[in-house]
C-alpha atoms as a PDB file:
ATOM      1  CA  MET A   1      78.636 118.646  60.015  1.00  0.00           C
ATOM      2  CA  LYS A   2      76.354 118.616  63.024  1.00  0.00           C
ATOM      3  CA  CYS A   3      74.750 121.517  64.827  1.00  0.00           C
ATOM      4  CA  PRO A   4      76.644 122.056  68.111  1.00  0.00           C
ATOM      5  CA  VAL A   5      73.370 122.934  69.883  1.00  0.00           C
ATOM      6  CA  CYS A   6      70.968 120.148  68.920  1.00  0.00           C
ATOM      7  CA  ARG A   7      73.351 117.762  67.071  1.00  0.00           C
ATOM      8  CA  ALA A   8      71.126 117.751  63.964  1.00  0.00           C
ATOM      9  CA  LEU A   9      72.937 117.062  60.712  1.00  0.00           C
ATOM     10  CA  TYR A  10      73.460 120.330  58.849  1.00  0.00           C
ATOM     11  CA  ARG A  11      72.123 120.437  55.313  1.00  0.00           C
ATOM     12  CA  PRO A  12      72.114 123.749  53.458  1.00  0.00           C
ATOM     13  CA  ALA A  13      68.654 125.038  52.709  1.00  0.00           C
ATOM     14  CA  SER A  14      67.851 126.237  49.223  1.00  0.00           C
ATOM     15  CA  ALA A  15      66.016 129.315  50.522  1.00  0.00           C
ATOM     16  CA  THR A  16      67.554 132.653  51.491  1.00  0.00           C
ATOM     17  CA  ALA A  17      71.222 132.951  52.382  1.00  0.00           C
ATOM     18  CA  GLU A  18      70.321 133.540  56.037  1.00  0.00           C
ATOM     19  CA  ALA A  19      68.144 130.444  56.234  1.00  0.00           C
ATOM     20  CA  ALA A  20      70.794 128.411  54.421  1.00  0.00           C
ATOM     21  CA  GLN A  21      73.214 128.983  57.285  1.00  0.00           C
ATOM     22  CA  SER A  22      70.811 128.152  60.093  1.00  0.00           C
ATOM     23  CA  CYS A  23      70.057 124.828  61.703  1.00  0.00           C
ATOM     24  CA  ARG A  24      66.786 123.480  60.363  1.00  0.00           C
ATOM     25  CA  ARG A  25      65.888 121.954  63.737  1.00  0.00           C
ATOM     26  CA  CYS A  26      66.774 124.613  66.316  1.00  0.00           C
ATOM     27  CA  GLY A  27      67.398 127.656  64.121  1.00  0.00           C
ATOM     28  CA  VAL A  28      70.819 128.568  65.526  1.00  0.00           C
ATOM     29  CA  ASN A  29      73.085 130.594  63.206  1.00  0.00           C
ATOM     30  CA  LEU A  30      75.777 128.220  61.934  1.00  0.00           C
ATOM     31  CA  SER A  31      77.634 130.725  59.721  1.00  0.00           C
ATOM     32  CA  PRO A  32      80.739 130.970  61.975  1.00  0.00           C
ATOM     33  CA  LEU A  33      80.983 127.184  62.035  1.00  0.00           C
ATOM     34  CA  ILE A  34      80.503 126.968  58.267  1.00  0.00           C
ATOM     35  CA  GLN A  35      83.219 129.589  57.712  1.00  0.00           C
ATOM     36  CA  LEU A  36      85.596 127.660  59.978  1.00  0.00           C
ATOM     37  CA  HIS A  37      84.894 124.447  58.081  1.00  0.00           C
ATOM     38  CA  ASP A  38      85.376 126.145  54.717  1.00  0.00           C
ATOM     39  CA  ARG A  39      88.694 127.654  55.861  1.00  0.00           C
ATOM     40  CA  ALA A  40      89.911 124.208  56.974  1.00  0.00           C
ATOM     41  CA  VAL A  41      88.969 122.709  53.612  1.00  0.00           C
ATOM     42  CA  TRP A  42      90.845 125.550  51.880  1.00  0.00           C
ATOM     43  CA  HIS A  43      94.011 124.758  53.887  1.00  0.00           C
ATOM     44  CA  HIS A  44      93.637 121.051  53.088  1.00  0.00           C
ATOM     45  CA  ARG A  45      93.364 121.808  49.371  1.00  0.00           C
ATOM     46  CA  GLN A  46      96.480 123.991  49.625  1.00  0.00           C
ATOM     47  CA  ALA A  47      98.240 121.035  51.244  1.00  0.00           C
ATOM     48  CA  ILE A  48      97.243 118.780  48.364  1.00  0.00           C
ATOM     49  CA  GLN A  49      98.542 121.312  45.841  1.00  0.00           C
ATOM     50  CA  ALA A  50     101.847 121.599  47.720  1.00  0.00           C
ATOM     51  CA  PHE A  51     102.096 117.805  47.837  1.00  0.00           C
ATOM     52  CA  ARG A  52     101.551 117.561  44.081  1.00  0.00           C
ATOM     53  CA  ALA A  53     104.305 120.144  43.605  1.00  0.00           C
ATOM     54  CA  GLY A  54     106.644 118.024  45.733  1.00  0.00           C
ATOM     55  CA  ASP A  55     106.780 120.549  48.594  1.00  0.00           C
ATOM     56  CA  TYR A  56     106.162 118.203  51.526  1.00  0.00           C
ATOM     57  CA  ALA A  57     107.069 120.731  54.232  1.00  0.00           C
ATOM     58  CA  THR A  58     104.449 123.193  52.988  1.00  0.00           C
ATOM     59  CA  ALA A  59     101.948 120.369  52.539  1.00  0.00           C
ATOM     60  CA  ILE A  60     102.440 119.259  56.146  1.00  0.00           C
ATOM     61  CA  ALA A  61     102.155 122.836  57.440  1.00  0.00           C
ATOM     62  CA  SER A  62      98.985 123.548  55.453  1.00  0.00           C
ATOM     63  CA  ASN A  63      97.388 120.262  56.434  1.00  0.00           C
ATOM     64  CA  ASN A  64      98.254 120.886  60.094  1.00  0.00           C
ATOM     65  CA  GLN A  65      96.447 124.237  59.829  1.00  0.00           C
ATOM     66  CA  ALA A  66      93.425 122.414  58.433  1.00  0.00           C
ATOM     67  CA  ILE A  67      93.503 119.946  61.327  1.00  0.00           C
ATOM     68  CA  ALA A  68      93.844 122.782  63.853  1.00  0.00           C
ATOM     69  CA  LEU A  69      90.661 124.348  62.466  1.00  0.00           C
ATOM     70  CA  TRP A  70      88.613 121.189  61.893  1.00  0.00           C
ATOM     71  CA  SER A  71      89.334 117.656  63.026  1.00  0.00           C
ATOM     72  CA  ASN A  72      88.505 115.525  60.000  1.00  0.00           C
ATOM     73  CA  ALA A  73      89.446 111.895  59.369  1.00  0.00           C
ATOM     74  CA  ASP A  74      90.587 112.618  55.815  1.00  0.00           C
ATOM     75  CA  PHE A  75      92.840 115.453  57.006  1.00  0.00           C
ATOM     76  CA  HIS A  76      94.479 113.131  59.553  1.00  0.00           C
ATOM     77  CA  ALA A  77      94.848 110.314  57.000  1.00  0.00           C
ATOM     78  CA  PHE A  78      96.565 112.691  54.589  1.00  0.00           C
ATOM     79  CA  ALA A  79      98.854 113.833  57.409  1.00  0.00           C
ATOM     80  CA  GLY A  80      99.785 110.197  57.970  1.00  0.00           C
ATOM     81  CA  GLN A  81     100.667 109.799  54.309  1.00  0.00           C
ATOM     82  CA  LEU A  82     102.807 112.942  54.380  1.00  0.00           C
ATOM     83  CA  TRP A  83     104.645 111.810  57.509  1.00  0.00           C
ATOM     84  CA  ALA A  84     105.220 108.351  56.040  1.00  0.00           C
ATOM     85  CA  LEU A  85     106.698 109.877  52.879  1.00  0.00           C
ATOM     86  CA  GLN A  86     109.129 111.748  55.114  1.00  0.00           C
ATOM     87  CA  GLY A  87     110.067 108.510  56.907  1.00  0.00           C
ATOM     88  CA  GLU A  88     108.465 109.707  60.147  1.00  0.00           C
ATOM     89  CA  PHE A  89     106.499 106.575  60.929  1.00  0.00           C
ATOM     90  CA  PRO A  90     105.638 107.282  64.593  1.00  0.00           C
ATOM     91  CA  GLN A  91     103.902 110.522  63.521  1.00  0.00           C
ATOM     92  CA  ALA A  92     102.285 108.723  60.573  1.00  0.00           C
ATOM     93  CA  ILE A  93     100.888 106.004  62.819  1.00  0.00           C
ATOM     94  CA  ALA A  94      99.582 108.596  65.290  1.00  0.00           C
ATOM     95  CA  ALA A  95      97.861 110.490  62.454  1.00  0.00           C
ATOM     96  CA  TRP A  96      96.277 107.325  61.044  1.00  0.00           C
ATOM     97  CA  LYS A  97      95.061 106.304  64.507  1.00  0.00           C
ATOM     98  CA  ALA A  98      93.557 109.773  64.963  1.00  0.00           C
ATOM     99  CA  ALA A  99      91.775 109.335  61.623  1.00  0.00           C
ATOM    100  CA  GLN A 100      90.371 105.999  62.760  1.00  0.00           C
ATOM    101  CA  GLN A 101      89.164 107.491  66.049  1.00  0.00           C
ATOM    102  CA  ILE A 102      87.122 110.006  64.064  1.00  0.00           C
ATOM    103  CA  ASP A 103      85.960 107.529  61.416  1.00  0.00           C
ATOM    104  CA  SER A 104      86.658 103.859  62.016  1.00  0.00           C
ATOM    105  CA  GLN A 105      85.972 103.172  58.318  1.00  0.00           C
ATOM    106  CA  GLN A 106      88.525 105.692  56.969  1.00  0.00           C
ATOM    107  CA  ALA A 107      90.011 103.609  54.154  1.00  0.00           C
ATOM    108  CA  ILE A 108      93.504 105.102  53.913  1.00  0.00           C
ATOM    109  CA  ALA A 109      94.160 104.915  57.637  1.00  0.00           C
ATOM    110  CA  HIS A 110      92.724 101.410  57.888  1.00  0.00           C
ATOM    111  CA  THR A 111      94.822 100.108  54.983  1.00  0.00           C
ATOM    112  CA  ALA A 112      98.038 101.798  56.113  1.00  0.00           C
ATOM    113  CA  LEU A 113      97.767 100.525  59.677  1.00  0.00           C
ATOM    114  CA  GLN A 114      96.896  97.056  58.396  1.00  0.00           C
ATOM    115  CA  TYR A 115     100.058  96.973  56.256  1.00  0.00           C
ATOM    116  CA  LEU A 116     102.190  98.057  59.186  1.00  0.00           C
ATOM    117  CA  THR A 117     100.849  95.376  61.522  1.00  0.00           C
ATOM    118  CA  GLU A 118     101.326  92.471  59.086  1.00  0.00           C
END
């Protein structure tokens, strides 16, 4: 993740807890941003668990919550997979394209869109 103030790449410091949640370049407190990111990852993991249990509706809802909190290419790619499994290909394509806009090298989105265009 990048600092919203100076755009420096955030790397946790090994010092005190306070310093670990501050930008090394500009010193801004990143703890709210870190908490938001962690909450999004938690929702994404819940979506994966629901998917493994065969509960696609809950998986989609949890993954959508993750995307609402943090726009991540992997979250969007997983959303595309979930939509495709439901037979909702327009939503799947939109999710995979969103993943590629964030990360043009996102493997799942790239492969899925390549299969659909062949």
